[in-house]
C-alpha atoms as a PDB file:
ATOM      1  CA  UNK A   1     -78.208 -94.375 -16.237  1.00  0.00           C
ATOM      2  CA  UNK A   2     -76.837 -90.727 -17.886  1.00  0.00           C
ATOM      3  CA  UNK A   3     -73.342 -90.425 -20.213  1.00  0.00           C
ATOM      4  CA  UNK A   4     -71.936 -88.559 -17.815  1.00  0.00           C
ATOM      5  CA  UNK A   5     -72.880 -91.437 -15.019  1.00  0.00           C
ATOM      6  CA  UNK A   6     -71.459 -94.026 -17.573  1.00  0.00           C
ATOM      7  CA  UNK A   7     -68.688 -92.065 -17.925  1.00  0.00           C
ATOM      8  CA  UNK A   8     -67.727 -92.002 -14.463  1.00  0.00           C
ATOM      9  CA  UNK A   9     -68.252 -95.877 -13.928  1.00  0.00           C
ATOM     10  CA  UNK A  10     -65.941 -96.310 -16.140  1.00  0.00           C
ATOM     11  CA  UNK A  11     -63.420 -94.130 -15.586  1.00  0.00           C
ATOM     12  CA  UNK A  12     -63.425 -96.128 -12.010  1.00  0.00           C
ATOM     13  CA  UNK A  13     -63.481 -99.293 -13.316  1.00  0.00           C
ATOM     14  CA  UNK A  14     -60.112 -98.247 -15.008  1.00  0.00           C
ATOM     15  CA  UNK A  15     -58.767 -96.705 -12.588  1.00  0.00           C
ATOM     16  CA  UNK A  16     -58.980-100.099 -10.112  1.00  0.00           C
ATOM     17  CA  UNK A  17     -57.164-101.412 -13.477  1.00  0.00           C
ATOM     18  CA  UNK A  18     -53.262-101.668 -13.253  1.00  0.00           C
ATOM     19  CA  UNK A  19     -51.292-104.757 -15.798  1.00  0.00           C
ATOM     20  CA  UNK A  20     -47.868-103.967 -14.795  1.00  0.00           C
ATOM     21  CA  UNK A  21     -45.077-105.127 -17.164  1.00  0.00           C
ATOM     22  CA  UNK A  22     -44.193-108.442 -18.404  1.00  0.00           C
ATOM     23  CA  UNK A  23     -41.074-108.555 -20.222  1.00  0.00           C
ATOM     24  CA  UNK A  24     -37.745-107.533 -19.198  1.00  0.00           C
ATOM     25  CA  UNK A  25     -37.835-104.511 -21.405  1.00  0.00           C
ATOM     26  CA  UNK A  26     -41.101-103.460 -19.800  1.00  0.00           C
ATOM     27  CA  UNK A  27     -39.810-103.704 -16.275  1.00  0.00           C
ATOM     28  CA  UNK A  28     -36.772-101.466 -17.219  1.00  0.00           C
ATOM     29  CA  UNK A  29     -38.893 -98.687 -18.772  1.00  0.00           C
ATOM     30  CA  UNK A  30     -41.234 -98.928 -15.556  1.00  0.00           C
ATOM     31  CA  UNK A  31     -37.856 -98.619 -13.431  1.00  0.00           C
ATOM     32  CA  UNK A  32     -36.998 -95.447 -14.581  1.00  0.00           C
ATOM     33  CA  UNK A  33     -40.121 -93.789 -14.869  1.00  0.00           C
ATOM     34  CA  UNK A  34     -38.990 -92.265 -11.171  1.00  0.00           C
ATOM     35  CA  UNK A  35     -35.969 -91.220 -12.588  1.00  0.00           C
ATOM     36  CA  UNK A  36     -37.018 -89.412 -15.661  1.00  0.00           C
ATOM     37  CA  UNK A  37     -40.251 -88.078 -14.436  1.00  0.00           C
ATOM     38  CA  UNK A  38     -39.845 -87.482 -11.019  1.00  0.00           C
ATOM     39  CA  UNK A  39     -41.791 -84.503 -12.040  1.00  0.00           C
ATOM     40  CA  UNK A  40     -45.463 -86.054 -12.030  1.00  0.00           C
ATOM     41  CA  UNK A  41     -45.183 -88.127  -9.772  1.00  0.00           C
ATOM     42  CA  UNK A  42     -43.114 -86.873  -6.784  1.00  0.00           C
ATOM     43  CA  UNK A  43     -46.215 -84.974  -5.084  1.00  0.00           C
ATOM     44  CA  UNK A  44     -48.484 -87.538  -6.393  1.00  0.00           C
ATOM     45  CA  UNK A  45     -47.444 -90.248  -4.694  1.00  0.00           C
ATOM     46  CA  UNK A  46     -48.703 -90.036  -0.705  1.00  0.00           C
ATOM     47  CA  UNK A  47     -46.298 -91.675   2.038  1.00  0.00           C
ATOM     48  CA  UNK A  48     -48.383 -90.850   5.017  1.00  0.00           C
ATOM     49  CA  UNK A  49     -49.118 -92.779   8.456  1.00  0.00           C
ATOM     50  CA  UNK A  50     -52.794 -93.031   7.416  1.00  0.00           C
ATOM     51  CA  UNK A  51     -52.609 -93.703   3.880  1.00  0.00           C
ATOM     52  CA  UNK A  52     -49.457 -95.046   1.768  1.00  0.00           C
ATOM     53  CA  UNK A  53     -49.691 -94.973  -2.311  1.00  0.00           C
ATOM     54  CA  UNK A  54     -47.699 -98.255  -3.893  1.00  0.00           C
ATOM     55  CA  UNK A  55     -45.545 -96.435  -5.965  1.00  0.00           C
ATOM     56  CA  UNK A  56     -45.182-100.037  -8.391  1.00  0.00           C
ATOM     57  CA  UNK A  57     -48.852 -99.608  -9.109  1.00  0.00           C
ATOM     58  CA  UNK A  58     -48.725 -96.168 -10.689  1.00  0.00           C
ATOM     59  CA  UNK A  59     -45.892 -97.305 -12.705  1.00  0.00           C
ATOM     60  CA  UNK A  60     -47.696-100.544 -13.920  1.00  0.00           C
ATOM     61  CA  UNK A  61     -50.841 -97.910 -14.538  1.00  0.00           C
ATOM     62  CA  UNK A  62     -48.626 -95.214 -16.623  1.00  0.00           C
ATOM     63  CA  UNK A  63     -46.646 -98.564 -18.596  1.00  0.00           C
ATOM     64  CA  UNK A  64     -50.544-100.037 -19.662  1.00  0.00           C
ATOM     65  CA  UNK A  65     -51.524 -96.214 -20.674  1.00  0.00           C
ATOM     66  CA  UNK A  66     -48.751 -95.988 -22.443  1.00  0.00           C
ATOM     67  CA  UNK A  67     -48.337 -99.211 -24.453  1.00  0.00           C
ATOM     68  CA  UNK A  68     -52.591 -98.122 -24.918  1.00  0.00           C
ATOM     69  CA  UNK A  69     -51.959 -94.868 -26.368  1.00  0.00           C
ATOM     70  CA  UNK A  70     -48.838 -95.215 -28.038  1.00  0.00           C
ATOM     71  CA  UNK A  71     -47.393 -91.399 -27.239  1.00  0.00           C
ATOM     72  CA  UNK A  72     -44.298 -90.241 -29.246  1.00  0.00           C
ATOM     73  CA  UNK A  73     -42.331 -87.151 -27.924  1.00  0.00           C
ATOM     74  CA  UNK A  74     -42.368 -85.531 -24.209  1.00  0.00           C
ATOM     75  CA  UNK A  75     -45.689 -83.688 -25.094  1.00  0.00           C
ATOM     76  CA  UNK A  76     -47.545 -86.662 -25.841  1.00  0.00           C
ATOM     77  CA  UNK A  77     -45.796 -88.449 -23.019  1.00  0.00           C
ATOM     78  CA  UNK A  78     -46.949 -85.383 -20.790  1.00  0.00           C
ATOM     79  CA  UNK A  79     -50.521 -85.591 -21.972  1.00  0.00           C
ATOM     80  CA  UNK A  80     -50.442 -90.055 -20.947  1.00  0.00           C
ATOM     81  CA  UNK A  81     -48.758 -89.326 -18.002  1.00  0.00           C
ATOM     82  CA  UNK A  82     -52.074 -86.419 -17.036  1.00  0.00           C
ATOM     83  CA  UNK A  83     -54.302 -89.086 -17.988  1.00  0.00           C
ATOM     84  CA  UNK A  84     -52.715 -91.633 -15.871  1.00  0.00           C
ATOM     85  CA  UNK A  85     -52.959 -89.124 -12.570  1.00  0.00           C
ATOM     86  CA  UNK A  86     -56.650 -88.464 -12.890  1.00  0.00           C
ATOM     87  CA  UNK A  87     -56.747 -91.860 -12.934  1.00  0.00           C
ATOM     88  CA  UNK A  88     -55.050 -92.833 -10.081  1.00  0.00           C
ATOM     89  CA  UNK A  89     -56.604 -89.554  -8.208  1.00  0.00           C
ATOM     90  CA  UNK A  90     -60.080 -91.439  -8.905  1.00  0.00           C
ATOM     91  CA  UNK A  91     -58.721 -94.416  -6.761  1.00  0.00           C
ATOM     92  CA  UNK A  92     -58.748 -92.032  -4.312  1.00  0.00           C
ATOM     93  CA  UNK A  93     -62.688 -90.780  -5.064  1.00  0.00           C
ATOM     94  CA  UNK A  94     -63.908 -94.201  -4.237  1.00  0.00           C
ATOM     95  CA  UNK A  95     -61.764 -94.381  -1.102  1.00  0.00           C
ATOM     96  CA  UNK A  96     -63.596 -90.803   0.066  1.00  0.00           C
ATOM     97  CA  UNK A  97     -66.999 -92.394  -0.895  1.00  0.00           C
ATOM     98  CA  UNK A  98     -66.728 -95.562   0.857  1.00  0.00           C
ATOM     99  CA  UNK A  99     -64.938 -93.710   3.803  1.00  0.00           C
ATOM    100  CA  UNK A 100     -67.810 -91.311   4.589  1.00  0.00           C
ATOM    101  CA  UNK A 101     -70.258 -94.667   4.140  1.00  0.00           C
ATOM    102  CA  UNK A 102     -68.416 -96.181   6.799  1.00  0.00           C
ATOM    103  CA  UNK A 103     -68.335 -93.330   9.327  1.00  0.00           C
ATOM    104  CA  UNK A 104     -72.124 -92.757   8.239  1.00  0.00           C
ATOM    105  CA  UNK A 105     -72.762 -96.808   9.686  1.00  0.00           C
ATOM    106  CA  UNK A 106     -70.519 -96.956  12.558  1.00  0.00           C
ATOM    107  CA  UNK A 107     -73.678 -96.382  15.052  1.00  0.00           C
ATOM    108  CA  UNK A 108     -76.502 -98.041  13.038  1.00  0.00           C
ATOM    109  CA  UNK A 109     -77.833 -99.237  16.157  1.00  0.00           C
ATOM    110  CA  UNK A 110     -78.304 -96.147  17.944  1.00  0.00           C
ATOM    111  CA  UNK A 111     -79.305 -94.513  14.517  1.00  0.00           C
ATOM    112  CA  UNK A 112     -81.930 -97.638  14.633  1.00  0.00           C
ATOM    113  CA  UNK A 113     -83.715 -97.412  17.730  1.00  0.00           C
ATOM    114  CA  UNK A 114     -83.947 -93.158  16.927  1.00  0.00           C
ATOM    115  CA  UNK A 115     -85.623 -94.018  14.033  1.00  0.00           C
ATOM    116  CA  UNK A 116     -88.227 -96.300  16.296  1.00  0.00           C
ATOM    117  CA  UNK A 117     -88.309 -94.009  19.321  1.00  0.00           C
ATOM    118  CA  UNK A 118     -89.652 -90.763  16.674  1.00  0.00           C
ATOM    119  CA  UNK A 119     -92.523 -93.455  15.421  1.00  0.00           C
ATOM    120  CA  UNK A 120     -93.499 -93.853  19.194  1.00  0.00           C
ATOM    121  CA  UNK A 121     -93.222 -90.381  19.724  1.00  0.00           C
ATOM    122  CA  UNK A 122     -95.664 -89.995  16.640  1.00  0.00           C
ATOM    123  CA  UNK A 123     -97.628 -92.556  17.164  1.00  0.00           C
ATOM    124  CA  UNK A 124     -98.326 -93.165  21.248  1.00  0.00           C
ATOM    125  CA  UNK A 125    -100.508 -96.121  21.383  1.00  0.00           C
ATOM    126  CA  UNK A 126     -98.411 -98.029  19.088  1.00  0.00           C
ATOM    127  CA  UNK A 127     -97.209-101.335  20.917  1.00  0.00           C
ATOM    128  CA  UNK A 128     -92.819-102.213  21.696  1.00  0.00           C
ATOM    129  CA  UNK A 129     -92.100-102.486  17.529  1.00  0.00           C
ATOM    130  CA  UNK A 130     -91.518-106.920  16.696  1.00  0.00           C
ATOM    131  CA  UNK A 131     -87.746-108.522  15.720  1.00  0.00           C
ATOM    132  CA  UNK A 132     -89.324-108.492  11.959  1.00  0.00           C
ATOM    133  CA  UNK A 133     -90.207-104.333  12.701  1.00  0.00           C
ATOM    134  CA  UNK A 134     -86.703-103.660  14.246  1.00  0.00           C
ATOM    135  CA  UNK A 135     -85.301-105.792  11.495  1.00  0.00           C
ATOM    136  CA  UNK A 136     -87.115-103.537   8.791  1.00  0.00           C
ATOM    137  CA  UNK A 137     -86.398-100.683  10.786  1.00  0.00           C
ATOM    138  CA  UNK A 138     -82.254-101.078  10.812  1.00  0.00           C
ATOM    139  CA  UNK A 139     -82.906-102.125   6.893  1.00  0.00           C
ATOM    140  CA  UNK A 140     -84.425 -98.648   6.056  1.00  0.00           C
ATOM    141  CA  UNK A 141     -81.680 -96.950   8.022  1.00  0.00           C
ATOM    142  CA  UNK A 142     -79.185 -99.015   5.936  1.00  0.00           C
ATOM    143  CA  UNK A 143     -80.683 -98.163   2.509  1.00  0.00           C
ATOM    144  CA  UNK A 144     -80.531 -94.169   3.748  1.00  0.00           C
ATOM    145  CA  UNK A 145     -77.103 -94.310   4.434  1.00  0.00           C
ATOM    146  CA  UNK A 146     -74.873 -96.085   2.077  1.00  0.00           C
ATOM    147  CA  UNK A 147     -74.806 -93.070   0.178  1.00  0.00           C
ATOM    148  CA  UNK A 148     -72.545 -90.353   1.373  1.00  0.00           C
ATOM    149  CA  UNK A 149     -74.999 -87.339   3.126  1.00  0.00           C
ATOM    150  CA  UNK A 150     -75.964 -84.434   1.065  1.00  0.00           C
ATOM    151  CA  UNK A 151     -72.807 -82.508   1.819  1.00  0.00           C
ATOM    152  CA  UNK A 152     -69.769 -84.989   1.191  1.00  0.00           C
ATOM    153  CA  UNK A 153     -71.673 -86.459  -1.321  1.00  0.00           C
ATOM    154  CA  UNK A 154     -71.405 -83.271  -3.270  1.00  0.00           C
ATOM    155  CA  UNK A 155     -68.161 -82.731  -2.355  1.00  0.00           C
ATOM    156  CA  UNK A 156     -67.064 -85.955  -3.994  1.00  0.00           C
ATOM    157  CA  UNK A 157     -68.981 -85.933  -6.921  1.00  0.00           C
ATOM    158  CA  UNK A 158     -67.604 -82.392  -7.928  1.00  0.00           C
ATOM    159  CA  UNK A 159     -64.685 -83.708  -7.339  1.00  0.00           C
ATOM    160  CA  UNK A 160     -65.117 -86.636  -9.463  1.00  0.00           C
ATOM    161  CA  UNK A 161     -66.472 -84.690 -12.605  1.00  0.00           C
ATOM    162  CA  UNK A 162     -63.520 -82.057 -12.208  1.00  0.00           C
ATOM    163  CA  UNK A 163     -61.293 -85.952 -12.908  1.00  0.00           C
ATOM    164  CA  UNK A 164     -63.476 -86.689 -15.578  1.00  0.00           C
ATOM    165  CA  UNK A 165     -63.390 -83.447 -17.646  1.00  0.00           C
ATOM    166  CA  UNK A 166     -59.490 -82.922 -17.435  1.00  0.00           C
ATOM    167  CA  UNK A 167     -59.199 -86.567 -18.170  1.00  0.00           C
ATOM    168  CA  UNK A 168     -62.079 -85.926 -21.405  1.00  0.00           C
ATOM    169  CA  UNK A 169     -59.843 -82.820 -22.529  1.00  0.00           C
ATOM    170  CA  UNK A 170     -56.373 -84.245 -21.930  1.00  0.00           C
ATOM    171  CA  UNK A 171     -57.497 -87.431 -24.276  1.00  0.00           C
ATOM    172  CA  UNK A 172     -58.848 -85.248 -26.805  1.00  0.00           C
ATOM    173  CA  UNK A 173     -55.759 -83.121 -26.664  1.00  0.00           C
ATOM    174  CA  UNK A 174     -53.498 -85.952 -27.537  1.00  0.00           C
ATOM    175  CA  UNK A 175     -56.015 -87.377 -30.552  1.00  0.00           C
ATOM    176  CA  UNK A 176     -55.417 -84.422 -32.113  1.00  0.00           C
ATOM    177  CA  UNK A 177     -51.601 -83.873 -31.491  1.00  0.00           C
ATOM    178  CA  UNK A 178     -51.514 -88.216 -33.018  1.00  0.00           C
ATOM    179  CA  UNK A 179     -53.582 -87.238 -35.755  1.00  0.00           C
ATOM    180  CA  UNK A 180     -51.274 -84.154 -37.018  1.00  0.00           C
ATOM    181  CA  UNK A 181     -48.291 -86.280 -35.966  1.00  0.00           C
ATOM    182  CA  UNK A 182     -48.964 -88.823 -38.459  1.00  0.00           C
ATOM    183  CA  UNK A 183     -50.751 -86.534 -41.323  1.00  0.00           C
ATOM    184  CA  UNK A 184     -47.405 -84.957 -41.220  1.00  0.00           C
ATOM    185  CA  UNK A 185     -45.626 -88.869 -40.931  1.00  0.00           C
ATOM    186  CA  UNK A 186     -47.424 -89.177 -44.543  1.00  0.00           C
ATOM    187  CA  UNK A 187     -46.587 -86.055 -46.113  1.00  0.00           C
ATOM    188  CA  UNK A 188     -43.276 -86.629 -45.595  1.00  0.00           C
ATOM    189  CA  UNK A 189     -43.824 -90.203 -46.707  1.00  0.00           C
ATOM    190  CA  UNK A 190     -44.951 -88.509 -50.104  1.00  0.00           C
ATOM    191  CA  UNK A 191     -42.116 -86.419 -50.428  1.00  0.00           C
ATOM    192  CA  UNK A 192     -39.514 -89.080 -49.769  1.00  0.00           C
ATOM    193  CA  UNK A 193     -41.138 -91.148 -52.355  1.00  0.00           C
ATOM    194  CA  UNK A 194     -41.493 -88.080 -55.009  1.00  0.00           C
ATOM    195  CA  UNK A 195     -38.077 -87.365 -54.466  1.00  0.00           C
ATOM    196  CA  UNK A 196     -36.057 -90.656 -53.472  1.00  0.00           C
ATOM    197  CA  UNK A 197     -38.347 -93.286 -55.456  1.00  0.00           C
ATOM    198  CA  UNK A 198     -40.606 -95.317 -54.001  1.00  0.00           C
ATOM    199  CA  UNK A 199     -38.822 -97.389 -51.446  1.00  0.00           C
ATOM    200  CA  UNK A 200     -40.655-100.878 -51.781  1.00  0.00           C
ATOM    201  CA  UNK A 201     -40.381-101.056 -55.636  1.00  0.00           C
ATOM    202  CA  UNK A 202     -37.144-100.835 -55.741  1.00  0.00           C
ATOM    203  CA  UNK A 203     -36.558-103.251 -53.301  1.00  0.00           C
ATOM    204  CA  UNK A 204     -38.522-105.747 -54.913  1.00  0.00           C
ATOM    205  CA  UNK A 205     -36.335-104.916 -58.104  1.00  0.00           C
ATOM    206  CA  UNK A 206     -33.277-105.519 -56.114  1.00  0.00           C
ATOM    207  CA  UNK A 207     -34.604-109.013 -55.166  1.00  0.00           C
ATOM    208  CA  UNK A 208     -35.671-109.953 -58.223  1.00  0.00           C
ATOM    209  CA  UNK A 209     -34.791-112.787 -60.444  1.00  0.00           C
ATOM    210  CA  UNK A 210     -31.303-112.712 -62.383  1.00  0.00           C
ATOM    211  CA  UNK A 211     -32.653-111.406 -66.322  1.00  0.00           C
ATOM    212  CA  UNK A 212     -30.306-111.276 -68.856  1.00  0.00           C
ATOM    213  CA  UNK A 213     -31.373-108.744 -70.496  1.00  0.00           C
ATOM    214  CA  UNK A 214     -32.139-106.253 -68.157  1.00  0.00           C
ATOM    215  CA  UNK A 215     -29.010-107.224 -66.100  1.00  0.00           C
ATOM    216  CA  UNK A 216     -26.304-107.790 -68.740  1.00  0.00           C
ATOM    217  CA  UNK A 217     -23.883-104.917 -68.057  1.00  0.00           C
ATOM    218  CA  UNK A 218     -23.038-105.267 -72.269  1.00  0.00           C
ATOM    219  CA  UNK A 219     -26.745-105.615 -73.155  1.00  0.00           C
ATOM    220  CA  UNK A 220     -26.584-101.906 -74.662  1.00  0.00           C
ATOM    221  CA  UNK A 221     -23.279-102.083 -76.324  1.00  0.00           C
ATOM    222  CA  UNK A 222     -23.218-102.036 -79.566  1.00  0.00           C
END
């Protein structure tokens, strides 16, 4: 299996995972998603007679990614939700693929009869097929329809690859921002240490046992 195929398979698997919040605090965060981030979800969540998305499932997906990727600030949060949107759309790729396969398998008996008829046209001297031969032909016909046909398969694959590229770029951007942010945090901590001293050392000194020479305010007085 090629790397891109492995990546798509992993993305499909992740798209179906959704571990929702277990704590009351987590549930409260998720409950506010629709209010704080309606811009990201209003057009994404479907509410049609034939297909209705579950807002709670989407919220749980976002919550899981927030816990895993630990964004800070508005832009990092936006990138995490963009990744969630890619995973959410990947679920629709699976739906589209399954629907097309079901469509192709809808008239299997007719396709089997056509295949047998074609064989008899090619070989006019052939006897009527036995039940075993019919079953073998049926298996061959089913095997040829378990993946979407060329046109639909190409469209599904193109859409899936576009989502994969978008998610990969977004995750790369998020990683760059987080590394830069953490480097700045370390730099600021070093500057504070130089300016105000080591807070850990000062804390340890404040918690050390009483020293009559060091801690006696009169020991320096002659």
